[in-house]
Amino acid sequence: LDYIKADGNVIFTIEKQDFGLTLFGRRN
């Protein structure tokens, strides 16, 4: 929760998968 509230500028890495998508949301 500390990281989520402190950093609203999420950087995304997204990996296309056979089943759909894996979404990586990066915060400090």
mmCIF file of all heavy atoms, coordinates in Angstrom:
data_MODEL
# 
_entry.id   MODEL 
# 
loop_
_atom_site.group_PDB 
_atom_site.id 
_atom_site.type_symbol 
_atom_site.label_atom_id 
_atom_site.label_alt_id 
_atom_site.label_comp_id 
_atom_site.label_asym_id 
_atom_site.label_entity_id 
_atom_site.label_seq_id 
_atom_site.pdbx_PDB_ins_code 
_atom_site.Cartn_x 
_atom_site.Cartn_y 
_atom_site.Cartn_z 
_atom_site.occupancy 
_atom_site.B_iso_or_equiv 
_atom_site.pdbx_formal_charge 
_atom_site.auth_seq_id 
_atom_site.auth_comp_id 
_atom_site.auth_asym_id 
_atom_site.auth_atom_id 
_atom_site.pdbx_PDB_model_num 
ATOM 1   N N   . LEU A 1 1  ? 0.825  -1.207  0.000   1.00 0.00 ? 1  LEU A N   1 
ATOM 2   C CA  . LEU A 1 1  ? 0.000  0.000   0.000   1.00 0.00 ? 1  LEU A CA  1 
ATOM 3   C C   . LEU A 1 1  ? 0.858  1.255   0.000   1.00 0.00 ? 1  LEU A C   1 
ATOM 4   O O   . LEU A 1 1  ? 0.491  2.271   -0.602  1.00 0.00 ? 1  LEU A O   1 
ATOM 5   C CB  . LEU A 1 1  ? -0.945 0.004   1.197   1.00 0.00 ? 1  LEU A CB  1 
ATOM 6   C CG  . LEU A 1 1  ? -1.920 -1.174  1.293   1.00 0.00 ? 1  LEU A CG  1 
ATOM 7   C CD1 . LEU A 1 1  ? -2.829 -0.999  2.492   1.00 0.00 ? 1  LEU A CD1 1 
ATOM 8   C CD2 . LEU A 1 1  ? -2.731 -1.317  0.011   1.00 0.00 ? 1  LEU A CD2 1 
ATOM 9   N N   . ASP A 1 2  ? 1.997  1.218   0.669   1.00 0.00 ? 2  ASP A N   1 
ATOM 10  C CA  . ASP A 1 2  ? 2.891  2.376   0.683   1.00 0.00 ? 2  ASP A CA  1 
ATOM 11  C C   . ASP A 1 2  ? 3.359  2.707   -0.729  1.00 0.00 ? 2  ASP A C   1 
ATOM 12  O O   . ASP A 1 2  ? 3.395  3.883   -1.125  1.00 0.00 ? 2  ASP A O   1 
ATOM 13  C CB  . ASP A 1 2  ? 4.103  2.111   1.578   1.00 0.00 ? 2  ASP A CB  1 
ATOM 14  C CG  . ASP A 1 2  ? 3.734  1.936   3.040   1.00 0.00 ? 2  ASP A CG  1 
ATOM 15  O OD1 . ASP A 1 2  ? 2.646  2.399   3.445   1.00 0.00 ? 2  ASP A OD1 1 
ATOM 16  O OD2 . ASP A 1 2  ? 4.532  1.324   3.785   1.00 0.00 ? 2  ASP A OD2 1 
ATOM 17  N N   . TYR A 1 3  ? 3.717  1.692   -1.495  1.00 0.00 ? 3  TYR A N   1 
ATOM 18  C CA  . TYR A 1 3  ? 4.216  1.917   -2.845  1.00 0.00 ? 3  TYR A CA  1 
ATOM 19  C C   . TYR A 1 3  ? 3.094  2.402   -3.775  1.00 0.00 ? 3  TYR A C   1 
ATOM 20  O O   . TYR A 1 3  ? 3.304  3.289   -4.611  1.00 0.00 ? 3  TYR A O   1 
ATOM 21  C CB  . TYR A 1 3  ? 4.823  0.638   -3.401  1.00 0.00 ? 3  TYR A CB  1 
ATOM 22  C CG  . TYR A 1 3  ? 5.847  -0.009  -2.488  1.00 0.00 ? 3  TYR A CG  1 
ATOM 23  C CD1 . TYR A 1 3  ? 5.790  -1.373  -2.216  1.00 0.00 ? 3  TYR A CD1 1 
ATOM 24  C CD2 . TYR A 1 3  ? 6.854  0.736   -1.897  1.00 0.00 ? 3  TYR A CD2 1 
ATOM 25  C CE1 . TYR A 1 3  ? 6.720  -1.977  -1.389  1.00 0.00 ? 3  TYR A CE1 1 
ATOM 26  C CE2 . TYR A 1 3  ? 7.794  0.148   -1.057  1.00 0.00 ? 3  TYR A CE2 1 
ATOM 27  C CZ  . TYR A 1 3  ? 7.720  -1.209  -0.805  1.00 0.00 ? 3  TYR A CZ  1 
ATOM 28  O OH  . TYR A 1 3  ? 8.635  -1.807  0.030   1.00 0.00 ? 3  TYR A OH  1 
ATOM 29  N N   . ILE A 1 4  ? 1.902  1.821   -3.617  1.00 0.00 ? 4  ILE A N   1 
ATOM 30  C CA  . ILE A 1 4  ? 0.773  2.184   -4.468  1.00 0.00 ? 4  ILE A CA  1 
ATOM 31  C C   . ILE A 1 4  ? 0.366  3.634   -4.260  1.00 0.00 ? 4  ILE A C   1 
ATOM 32  O O   . ILE A 1 4  ? 0.127  4.384   -5.205  1.00 0.00 ? 4  ILE A O   1 
ATOM 33  C CB  . ILE A 1 4  ? -0.413 1.236   -4.213  1.00 0.00 ? 4  ILE A CB  1 
ATOM 34  C CG1 . ILE A 1 4  ? -0.099 -0.160  -4.764  1.00 0.00 ? 4  ILE A CG1 1 
ATOM 35  C CG2 . ILE A 1 4  ? -1.700 1.773   -4.833  1.00 0.00 ? 4  ILE A CG2 1 
ATOM 36  C CD1 . ILE A 1 4  ? -1.110 -1.216  -4.379  1.00 0.00 ? 4  ILE A CD1 1 
ATOM 37  N N   . LYS A 1 5  ? 0.308  4.060   -3.006  1.00 0.00 ? 5  LYS A N   1 
ATOM 38  C CA  . LYS A 1 5  ? -0.122 5.424   -2.714  1.00 0.00 ? 5  LYS A CA  1 
ATOM 39  C C   . LYS A 1 5  ? 0.950  6.456   -3.034  1.00 0.00 ? 5  LYS A C   1 
ATOM 40  O O   . LYS A 1 5  ? 0.656  7.595   -3.365  1.00 0.00 ? 5  LYS A O   1 
ATOM 41  C CB  . LYS A 1 5  ? -0.551 5.526   -1.239  1.00 0.00 ? 5  LYS A CB  1 
ATOM 42  C CG  . LYS A 1 5  ? -1.860 4.806   -0.973  1.00 0.00 ? 5  LYS A CG  1 
ATOM 43  C CD  . LYS A 1 5  ? -2.428 5.145   0.378   1.00 0.00 ? 5  LYS A CD  1 
ATOM 44  C CE  . LYS A 1 5  ? -2.000 4.341   1.438   1.00 0.00 ? 5  LYS A CE  1 
ATOM 45  N NZ  . LYS A 1 5  ? -2.682 4.561   2.747   1.00 0.00 ? 5  LYS A NZ  1 
ATOM 46  N N   . ALA A 1 6  ? 2.201  6.049   -2.951  1.00 0.00 ? 6  ALA A N   1 
ATOM 47  C CA  . ALA A 1 6  ? 3.293  6.990   -3.183  1.00 0.00 ? 6  ALA A CA  1 
ATOM 48  C C   . ALA A 1 6  ? 3.568  7.240   -4.658  1.00 0.00 ? 6  ALA A C   1 
ATOM 49  O O   . ALA A 1 6  ? 4.104  8.295   -5.024  1.00 0.00 ? 6  ALA A O   1 
ATOM 50  C CB  . ALA A 1 6  ? 4.568  6.487   -2.504  1.00 0.00 ? 6  ALA A CB  1 
ATOM 51  N N   . ASP A 1 7  ? 3.193  6.297   -5.519  1.00 0.00 ? 7  ASP A N   1 
ATOM 52  C CA  . ASP A 1 7  ? 3.570  6.395   -6.935  1.00 0.00 ? 7  ASP A CA  1 
ATOM 53  C C   . ASP A 1 7  ? 2.373  6.078   -7.820  1.00 0.00 ? 7  ASP A C   1 
ATOM 54  O O   . ASP A 1 7  ? 2.011  4.926   -8.022  1.00 0.00 ? 7  ASP A O   1 
ATOM 55  C CB  . ASP A 1 7  ? 4.730  5.438   -7.233  1.00 0.00 ? 7  ASP A CB  1 
ATOM 56  C CG  . ASP A 1 7  ? 5.318  5.627   -8.627  1.00 0.00 ? 7  ASP A CG  1 
ATOM 57  O OD1 . ASP A 1 7  ? 4.816  6.507   -9.367  1.00 0.00 ? 7  ASP A OD1 1 
ATOM 58  O OD2 . ASP A 1 7  ? 6.275  4.909   -8.973  1.00 0.00 ? 7  ASP A OD2 1 
ATOM 59  N N   . GLY A 1 8  ? 1.752  7.122   -8.353  1.00 0.00 ? 8  GLY A N   1 
ATOM 60  C CA  . GLY A 1 8  ? 0.637  6.946   -9.272  1.00 0.00 ? 8  GLY A CA  1 
ATOM 61  C C   . GLY A 1 8  ? 1.050  6.914   -10.731 1.00 0.00 ? 8  GLY A C   1 
ATOM 62  O O   . GLY A 1 8  ? 0.216  6.704   -11.619 1.00 0.00 ? 8  GLY A O   1 
ATOM 63  N N   . ASN A 1 9  ? 2.340  7.115   -10.993 1.00 0.00 ? 9  ASN A N   1 
ATOM 64  C CA  . ASN A 1 9  ? 2.853  7.117   -12.363 1.00 0.00 ? 9  ASN A CA  1 
ATOM 65  C C   . ASN A 1 9  ? 3.316  5.703   -12.725 1.00 0.00 ? 9  ASN A C   1 
ATOM 66  O O   . ASN A 1 9  ? 4.504  5.401   -12.716 1.00 0.00 ? 9  ASN A O   1 
ATOM 67  C CB  . ASN A 1 9  ? 3.995  8.124   -12.501 1.00 0.00 ? 9  ASN A CB  1 
ATOM 68  C CG  . ASN A 1 9  ? 4.498  8.235   -13.930 1.00 0.00 ? 9  ASN A CG  1 
ATOM 69  O OD1 . ASN A 1 9  ? 3.766  7.966   -14.883 1.00 0.00 ? 9  ASN A OD1 1 
ATOM 70  N ND2 . ASN A 1 9  ? 5.755  8.620   -14.078 1.00 0.00 ? 9  ASN A ND2 1 
ATOM 71  N N   . VAL A 1 10 ? 2.409  4.837   -13.049 1.00 0.00 ? 10 VAL A N   1 
ATOM 72  C CA  . VAL A 1 10 ? 2.711  3.431   -13.287 1.00 0.00 ? 10 VAL A CA  1 
ATOM 73  C C   . VAL A 1 10 ? 3.350  3.254   -14.660 1.00 0.00 ? 10 VAL A C   1 
ATOM 74  O O   . VAL A 1 10 ? 2.863  3.787   -15.661 1.00 0.00 ? 10 VAL A O   1 
ATOM 75  C CB  . VAL A 1 10 ? 1.438  2.566   -13.202 1.00 0.00 ? 10 VAL A CB  1 
ATOM 76  C CG1 . VAL A 1 10 ? 1.789  1.093   -13.322 1.00 0.00 ? 10 VAL A CG1 1 
ATOM 77  C CG2 . VAL A 1 10 ? 0.715  2.827   -11.887 1.00 0.00 ? 10 VAL A CG2 1 
ATOM 78  N N   . ILE A 1 11 ? 4.453  2.506   -14.688 1.00 0.00 ? 11 ILE A N   1 
ATOM 79  C CA  . ILE A 1 11 ? 5.130  2.164   -15.935 1.00 0.00 ? 11 ILE A CA  1 
ATOM 80  C C   . ILE A 1 11 ? 4.765  0.722   -16.283 1.00 0.00 ? 11 ILE A C   1 
ATOM 81  O O   . ILE A 1 11 ? 4.948  -0.185  -15.472 1.00 0.00 ? 11 ILE A O   1 
ATOM 82  C CB  . ILE A 1 11 ? 6.661  2.315   -15.811 1.00 0.00 ? 11 ILE A CB  1 
ATOM 83  C CG1 . ILE A 1 11 ? 7.026  3.713   -15.298 1.00 0.00 ? 11 ILE A CG1 1 
ATOM 84  C CG2 . ILE A 1 11 ? 7.322  2.009   -17.146 1.00 0.00 ? 11 ILE A CG2 1 
ATOM 85  C CD1 . ILE A 1 11 ? 6.590  4.844   -16.187 1.00 0.00 ? 11 ILE A CD1 1 
ATOM 86  N N   . PHE A 1 12 ? 4.281  0.506   -17.510 1.00 0.00 ? 12 PHE A N   1 
ATOM 87  C CA  . PHE A 1 12 ? 3.792  -0.807  -17.888 1.00 0.00 ? 12 PHE A CA  1 
ATOM 88  C C   . PHE A 1 12 ? 4.776  -1.571  -18.756 1.00 0.00 ? 12 PHE A C   1 
ATOM 89  O O   . PHE A 1 12 ? 5.409  -1.011  -19.650 1.00 0.00 ? 12 PHE A O   1 
ATOM 90  C CB  . PHE A 1 12 ? 2.474  -0.695  -18.664 1.00 0.00 ? 12 PHE A CB  1 
ATOM 91  C CG  . PHE A 1 12 ? 1.263  -0.552  -17.788 1.00 0.00 ? 12 PHE A CG  1 
ATOM 92  C CD1 . PHE A 1 12 ? 0.640  0.670   -17.652 1.00 0.00 ? 12 PHE A CD1 1 
ATOM 93  C CD2 . PHE A 1 12 ? 0.755  -1.639  -17.112 1.00 0.00 ? 12 PHE A CD2 1 
ATOM 94  C CE1 . PHE A 1 12 ? -0.474 0.812   -16.846 1.00 0.00 ? 12 PHE A CE1 1 
ATOM 95  C CE2 . PHE A 1 12 ? -0.353 -1.510  -16.304 1.00 0.00 ? 12 PHE A CE2 1 
ATOM 96  C CZ  . PHE A 1 12 ? -0.979 -0.282  -16.169 1.00 0.00 ? 12 PHE A CZ  1 
ATOM 97  N N   . THR A 1 13 ? 4.877  -2.852  -18.455 1.00 0.00 ? 13 THR A N   1 
ATOM 98  C CA  . THR A 1 13 ? 5.455  -3.837  -19.356 1.00 0.00 ? 13 THR A CA  1 
ATOM 99  C C   . THR A 1 13 ? 4.382  -4.891  -19.580 1.00 0.00 ? 13 THR A C   1 
ATOM 100 O O   . THR A 1 13 ? 3.805  -5.384  -18.609 1.00 0.00 ? 13 THR A O   1 
ATOM 101 C CB  . THR A 1 13 ? 6.715  -4.483  -18.761 1.00 0.00 ? 13 THR A CB  1 
ATOM 102 O OG1 . THR A 1 13 ? 7.711  -3.483  -18.553 1.00 0.00 ? 13 THR A OG1 1 
ATOM 103 C CG2 . THR A 1 13 ? 7.260  -5.560  -19.688 1.00 0.00 ? 13 THR A CG2 1 
ATOM 104 N N   . ILE A 1 14 ? 4.093  -5.196  -20.823 1.00 0.00 ? 14 ILE A N   1 
ATOM 105 C CA  . ILE A 1 14 ? 2.983  -6.104  -21.118 1.00 0.00 ? 14 ILE A CA  1 
ATOM 106 C C   . ILE A 1 14 ? 3.481  -7.233  -22.003 1.00 0.00 ? 14 ILE A C   1 
ATOM 107 O O   . ILE A 1 14 ? 4.111  -7.004  -23.029 1.00 0.00 ? 14 ILE A O   1 
ATOM 108 C CB  . ILE A 1 14 ? 1.817  -5.360  -21.806 1.00 0.00 ? 14 ILE A CB  1 
ATOM 109 C CG1 . ILE A 1 14 ? 1.384  -4.179  -20.940 1.00 0.00 ? 14 ILE A CG1 1 
ATOM 110 C CG2 . ILE A 1 14 ? 0.638  -6.305  -22.037 1.00 0.00 ? 14 ILE A CG2 1 
ATOM 111 C CD1 . ILE A 1 14 ? 0.397  -3.289  -21.582 1.00 0.00 ? 14 ILE A CD1 1 
ATOM 112 N N   . GLU A 1 15 ? 3.212  -8.443  -21.597 1.00 0.00 ? 15 GLU A N   1 
ATOM 113 C CA  . GLU A 1 15 ? 3.649  -9.634  -22.322 1.00 0.00 ? 15 GLU A CA  1 
ATOM 114 C C   . GLU A 1 15 ? 2.432  -10.354 -22.901 1.00 0.00 ? 15 GLU A C   1 
ATOM 115 O O   . GLU A 1 15 ? 1.512  -10.748 -22.177 1.00 0.00 ? 15 GLU A O   1 
ATOM 116 C CB  . GLU A 1 15 ? 4.412  -10.562 -21.380 1.00 0.00 ? 15 GLU A CB  1 
ATOM 117 C CG  . GLU A 1 15 ? 5.065  -11.762 -22.050 1.00 0.00 ? 15 GLU A CG  1 
ATOM 118 C CD  . GLU A 1 15 ? 6.340  -11.433 -22.792 1.00 0.00 ? 15 GLU A CD  1 
ATOM 119 O OE1 . GLU A 1 15 ? 6.738  -10.226 -22.799 1.00 0.00 ? 15 GLU A OE1 1 
ATOM 120 O OE2 . GLU A 1 15 ? 6.951  -12.371 -23.345 1.00 0.00 ? 15 GLU A OE2 1 
ATOM 121 N N   . LYS A 1 16 ? 2.407  -10.483 -24.205 1.00 0.00 ? 16 LYS A N   1 
ATOM 122 C CA  . LYS A 1 16 ? 1.347  -11.229 -24.863 1.00 0.00 ? 16 LYS A CA  1 
ATOM 123 C C   . LYS A 1 16 ? 1.557  -12.715 -24.627 1.00 0.00 ? 16 LYS A C   1 
ATOM 124 O O   . LYS A 1 16 ? 2.659  -13.231 -24.761 1.00 0.00 ? 16 LYS A O   1 
ATOM 125 C CB  . LYS A 1 16 ? 1.343  -10.924 -26.357 1.00 0.00 ? 16 LYS A CB  1 
ATOM 126 C CG  . LYS A 1 16 ? 0.121  -11.410 -27.108 1.00 0.00 ? 16 LYS A CG  1 
ATOM 127 C CD  . LYS A 1 16 ? 0.147  -10.910 -28.538 1.00 0.00 ? 16 LYS A CD  1 
ATOM 128 C CE  . LYS A 1 16 ? -1.064 -11.402 -29.306 1.00 0.00 ? 16 LYS A CE  1 
ATOM 129 N NZ  . LYS A 1 16 ? -1.032 -10.907 -30.728 1.00 0.00 ? 16 LYS A NZ  1 
ATOM 130 N N   . GLN A 1 17 ? 0.479  -13.422 -24.253 1.00 0.00 ? 17 GLN A N   1 
ATOM 131 C CA  . GLN A 1 17 ? 0.556  -14.839 -23.921 1.00 0.00 ? 17 GLN A CA  1 
ATOM 132 C C   . GLN A 1 17 ? -0.454 -15.633 -24.754 1.00 0.00 ? 17 GLN A C   1 
ATOM 133 O O   . GLN A 1 17 ? -1.392 -15.068 -25.328 1.00 0.00 ? 17 GLN A O   1 
ATOM 134 C CB  . GLN A 1 17 ? 0.229  -15.056 -22.432 1.00 0.00 ? 17 GLN A CB  1 
ATOM 135 C CG  . GLN A 1 17 ? 1.017  -14.190 -21.476 1.00 0.00 ? 17 GLN A CG  1 
ATOM 136 C CD  . GLN A 1 17 ? 2.390  -14.713 -21.188 1.00 0.00 ? 17 GLN A CD  1 
ATOM 137 O OE1 . GLN A 1 17 ? 2.866  -15.655 -21.826 1.00 0.00 ? 17 GLN A OE1 1 
ATOM 138 N NE2 . GLN A 1 17 ? 3.064  -14.147 -20.212 1.00 0.00 ? 17 GLN A NE2 1 
ATOM 139 N N   . ASP A 1 18 ? -0.269 -16.949 -24.789 1.00 0.00 ? 18 ASP A N   1 
ATOM 140 C CA  . ASP A 1 18 ? -1.243 -17.795 -25.469 1.00 0.00 ? 18 ASP A CA  1 
ATOM 141 C C   . ASP A 1 18 ? -2.625 -17.674 -24.830 1.00 0.00 ? 18 ASP A C   1 
ATOM 142 O O   . ASP A 1 18 ? -3.643 -17.798 -25.499 1.00 0.00 ? 18 ASP A O   1 
ATOM 143 C CB  . ASP A 1 18 ? -0.788 -19.255 -25.440 1.00 0.00 ? 18 ASP A CB  1 
ATOM 144 C CG  . ASP A 1 18 ? 0.420  -19.518 -26.306 1.00 0.00 ? 18 ASP A CG  1 
ATOM 145 O OD1 . ASP A 1 18 ? 0.709  -18.693 -27.203 1.00 0.00 ? 18 ASP A OD1 1 
ATOM 146 O OD2 . ASP A 1 18 ? 1.101  -20.541 -26.077 1.00 0.00 ? 18 ASP A OD2 1 
ATOM 147 N N   . PHE A 1 19 ? -2.639 -17.422 -23.509 1.00 0.00 ? 19 PHE A N   1 
ATOM 148 C CA  . PHE A 1 19 ? -3.914 -17.340 -22.801 1.00 0.00 ? 19 PHE A CA  1 
ATOM 149 C C   . PHE A 1 19 ? -4.505 -15.933 -22.786 1.00 0.00 ? 19 PHE A C   1 
ATOM 150 O O   . PHE A 1 19 ? -5.654 -15.743 -22.411 1.00 0.00 ? 19 PHE A O   1 
ATOM 151 C CB  . PHE A 1 19 ? -3.774 -17.834 -21.361 1.00 0.00 ? 19 PHE A CB  1 
ATOM 152 C CG  . PHE A 1 19 ? -2.762 -17.061 -20.531 1.00 0.00 ? 19 PHE A CG  1 
ATOM 153 C CD1 . PHE A 1 19 ? -3.048 -15.811 -20.011 1.00 0.00 ? 19 PHE A CD1 1 
ATOM 154 C CD2 . PHE A 1 19 ? -1.527 -17.622 -20.261 1.00 0.00 ? 19 PHE A CD2 1 
ATOM 155 C CE1 . PHE A 1 19 ? -2.120 -15.116 -19.241 1.00 0.00 ? 19 PHE A CE1 1 
ATOM 156 C CE2 . PHE A 1 19 ? -0.589 -16.931 -19.496 1.00 0.00 ? 19 PHE A CE2 1 
ATOM 157 C CZ  . PHE A 1 19 ? -0.891 -15.675 -18.982 1.00 0.00 ? 19 PHE A CZ  1 
ATOM 158 N N   . GLY A 1 20 ? -3.702 -14.909 -23.118 1.00 0.00 ? 20 GLY A N   1 
ATOM 159 C CA  . GLY A 1 20 ? -4.164 -13.530 -23.060 1.00 0.00 ? 20 GLY A CA  1 
ATOM 160 C C   . GLY A 1 20 ? -3.012 -12.573 -22.860 1.00 0.00 ? 20 GLY A C   1 
ATOM 161 O O   . GLY A 1 20 ? -2.129 -12.458 -23.706 1.00 0.00 ? 20 GLY A O   1 
ATOM 162 N N   . LEU A 1 21 ? -2.967 -11.908 -21.689 1.00 0.00 ? 21 LEU A N   1 
ATOM 163 C CA  . LEU A 1 21 ? -1.927 -10.937 -21.398 1.00 0.00 ? 21 LEU A CA  1 
ATOM 164 C C   . LEU A 1 21 ? -1.455 -11.078 -19.955 1.00 0.00 ? 21 LEU A C   1 
ATOM 165 O O   . LEU A 1 21 ? -2.258 -11.347 -19.055 1.00 0.00 ? 21 LEU A O   1 
ATOM 166 C CB  . LEU A 1 21 ? -2.444 -9.505  -21.576 1.00 0.00 ? 21 LEU A CB  1 
ATOM 167 C CG  . LEU A 1 21 ? -2.804 -9.017  -22.976 1.00 0.00 ? 21 LEU A CG  1 
ATOM 168 C CD1 . LEU A 1 21 ? -3.463 -7.641  -22.885 1.00 0.00 ? 21 LEU A CD1 1 
ATOM 169 C CD2 . LEU A 1 21 ? -1.587 -8.977  -23.877 1.00 0.00 ? 21 LEU A CD2 1 
ATOM 170 N N   . THR A 1 22 ? -0.161 -10.878 -19.752 1.00 0.00 ? 22 THR A N   1 
ATOM 171 C CA  . THR A 1 22 ? 0.393  -10.655 -18.421 1.00 0.00 ? 22 THR A CA  1 
ATOM 172 C C   . THR A 1 22 ? 0.783  -9.189  -18.337 1.00 0.00 ? 22 THR A C   1 
ATOM 173 O O   . THR A 1 22 ? 1.548  -8.695  -19.160 1.00 0.00 ? 22 THR A O   1 
ATOM 174 C CB  . THR A 1 22 ? 1.610  -11.552 -18.140 1.00 0.00 ? 22 THR A CB  1 
ATOM 175 O OG1 . THR A 1 22 ? 1.231  -12.924 -18.280 1.00 0.00 ? 22 THR A OG1 1 
ATOM 176 C CG2 . THR A 1 22 ? 2.111  -11.325 -16.722 1.00 0.00 ? 22 THR A CG2 1 
ATOM 177 N N   . LEU A 1 23 ? 0.259  -8.498  -17.336 1.00 0.00 ? 23 LEU A N   1 
ATOM 178 C CA  . LEU A 1 23 ? 0.446  -7.061  -17.191 1.00 0.00 ? 23 LEU A CA  1 
ATOM 179 C C   . LEU A 1 23 ? 1.349  -6.784  -15.998 1.00 0.00 ? 23 LEU A C   1 
ATOM 180 O O   . LEU A 1 23 ? 1.039  -7.187  -14.864 1.00 0.00 ? 23 LEU A O   1 
ATOM 181 C CB  . LEU A 1 23 ? -0.895 -6.359  -16.965 1.00 0.00 ? 23 LEU A CB  1 
ATOM 182 C CG  . LEU A 1 23 ? -1.882 -6.249  -18.096 1.00 0.00 ? 23 LEU A CG  1 
ATOM 183 C CD1 . LEU A 1 23 ? -2.309 -7.566  -18.676 1.00 0.00 ? 23 LEU A CD1 1 
ATOM 184 C CD2 . LEU A 1 23 ? -3.134 -5.562  -17.573 1.00 0.00 ? 23 LEU A CD2 1 
ATOM 185 N N   . PHE A 1 24 ? 2.445  -6.118  -16.247 1.00 0.00 ? 24 PHE A N   1 
ATOM 186 C CA  . PHE A 1 24 ? 3.398  -5.755  -15.208 1.00 0.00 ? 24 PHE A CA  1 
ATOM 187 C C   . PHE A 1 24 ? 3.298  -4.250  -14.972 1.00 0.00 ? 24 PHE A C   1 
ATOM 188 O O   . PHE A 1 24 ? 3.677  -3.452  -15.832 1.00 0.00 ? 24 PHE A O   1 
ATOM 189 C CB  . PHE A 1 24 ? 4.820  -6.122  -15.631 1.00 0.00 ? 24 PHE A CB  1 
ATOM 190 C CG  . PHE A 1 24 ? 5.022  -7.568  -15.972 1.00 0.00 ? 24 PHE A CG  1 
ATOM 191 C CD1 . PHE A 1 24 ? 4.734  -8.052  -17.243 1.00 0.00 ? 24 PHE A CD1 1 
ATOM 192 C CD2 . PHE A 1 24 ? 5.512  -8.460  -15.029 1.00 0.00 ? 24 PHE A CD2 1 
ATOM 193 C CE1 . PHE A 1 24 ? 4.931  -9.383  -17.567 1.00 0.00 ? 24 PHE A CE1 1 
ATOM 194 C CE2 . PHE A 1 24 ? 5.717  -9.796  -15.334 1.00 0.00 ? 24 PHE A CE2 1 
ATOM 195 C CZ  . PHE A 1 24 ? 5.421  -10.256 -16.609 1.00 0.00 ? 24 PHE A CZ  1 
ATOM 196 N N   . GLY A 1 25 ? 2.771  -3.865  -13.830 1.00 0.00 ? 25 GLY A N   1 
ATOM 197 C CA  . GLY A 1 25 ? 2.691  -2.456  -13.470 1.00 0.00 ? 25 GLY A CA  1 
ATOM 198 C C   . GLY A 1 25 ? 3.795  -2.103  -12.495 1.00 0.00 ? 25 GLY A C   1 
ATOM 199 O O   . GLY A 1 25 ? 3.822  -2.611  -11.372 1.00 0.00 ? 25 GLY A O   1 
ATOM 200 N N   . ARG A 1 26 ? 4.712  -1.222  -12.929 1.00 0.00 ? 26 ARG A N   1 
ATOM 201 C CA  . ARG A 1 26 ? 5.892  -0.905  -12.118 1.00 0.00 ? 26 ARG A CA  1 
ATOM 202 C C   . ARG A 1 26 ? 5.714  0.407   -11.363 1.00 0.00 ? 26 ARG A C   1 
ATOM 203 O O   . ARG A 1 26 ? 5.373  1.440   -11.929 1.00 0.00 ? 26 ARG A O   1 
ATOM 204 C CB  . ARG A 1 26 ? 7.132  -0.803  -13.007 1.00 0.00 ? 26 ARG A CB  1 
ATOM 205 C CG  . ARG A 1 26 ? 8.449  -0.773  -12.235 1.00 0.00 ? 26 ARG A CG  1 
ATOM 206 C CD  . ARG A 1 26 ? 9.588  -0.384  -13.152 1.00 0.00 ? 26 ARG A CD  1 
ATOM 207 N NE  . ARG A 1 26 ? 9.664  1.061   -13.321 1.00 0.00 ? 26 ARG A NE  1 
ATOM 208 C CZ  . ARG A 1 26 ? 10.512 1.656   -14.174 1.00 0.00 ? 26 ARG A CZ  1 
ATOM 209 N NH1 . ARG A 1 26 ? 11.313 0.928   -14.928 1.00 0.00 ? 26 ARG A NH1 1 
ATOM 210 N NH2 . ARG A 1 26 ? 10.525 2.981   -14.263 1.00 0.00 ? 26 ARG A NH2 1 
ATOM 211 N N   . ARG A 1 27 ? 5.953  0.337   -10.052 1.00 0.00 ? 27 ARG A N   1 
ATOM 212 C CA  . ARG A 1 27 ? 6.012  1.512   -9.205  1.00 0.00 ? 27 ARG A CA  1 
ATOM 213 C C   . ARG A 1 27 ? 7.340  1.520   -8.466  1.00 0.00 ? 27 ARG A C   1 
ATOM 214 O O   . ARG A 1 27 ? 7.978  0.469   -8.298  1.00 0.00 ? 27 ARG A O   1 
ATOM 215 C CB  . ARG A 1 27 ? 4.852  1.515   -8.195  1.00 0.00 ? 27 ARG A CB  1 
ATOM 216 C CG  . ARG A 1 27 ? 3.462  1.716   -8.809  1.00 0.00 ? 27 ARG A CG  1 
ATOM 217 C CD  . ARG A 1 27 ? 2.396  1.529   -7.747  1.00 0.00 ? 27 ARG A CD  1 
ATOM 218 N NE  . ARG A 1 27 ? 1.063  1.937   -8.189  1.00 0.00 ? 27 ARG A NE  1 
ATOM 219 C CZ  . ARG A 1 27 ? 0.226  1.154   -8.849  1.00 0.00 ? 27 ARG A CZ  1 
ATOM 220 N NH1 . ARG A 1 27 ? 0.590  -0.095  -9.169  1.00 0.00 ? 27 ARG A NH1 1 
ATOM 221 N NH2 . ARG A 1 27 ? -0.972 1.601   -9.206  1.00 0.00 ? 27 ARG A NH2 1 
ATOM 222 N N   . ASN A 1 28 ? 7.763  2.674   -8.014  1.00 0.00 ? 28 ASN A N   1 
ATOM 223 C CA  . ASN A 1 28 ? 8.966  2.749   -7.190  1.00 0.00 ? 28 ASN A CA  1 
ATOM 224 C C   . ASN A 1 28 ? 8.746  1.978   -5.897  1.00 0.00 ? 28 ASN A C   1 
ATOM 225 O O   . ASN A 1 28 ? 7.699  2.101   -5.258  1.00 0.00 ? 28 ASN A O   1 
ATOM 226 C CB  . ASN A 1 28 ? 9.323  4.196   -6.884  1.00 0.00 ? 28 ASN A CB  1 
ATOM 227 C CG  . ASN A 1 28 ? 9.846  4.925   -8.101  1.00 0.00 ? 28 ASN A CG  1 
ATOM 228 O OD1 . ASN A 1 28 ? 10.679 4.408   -8.843  1.00 0.00 ? 28 ASN A OD1 1 
ATOM 229 N ND2 . ASN A 1 28 ? 9.335  6.143   -8.325  1.00 0.00 ? 28 ASN A ND2 1 
# 
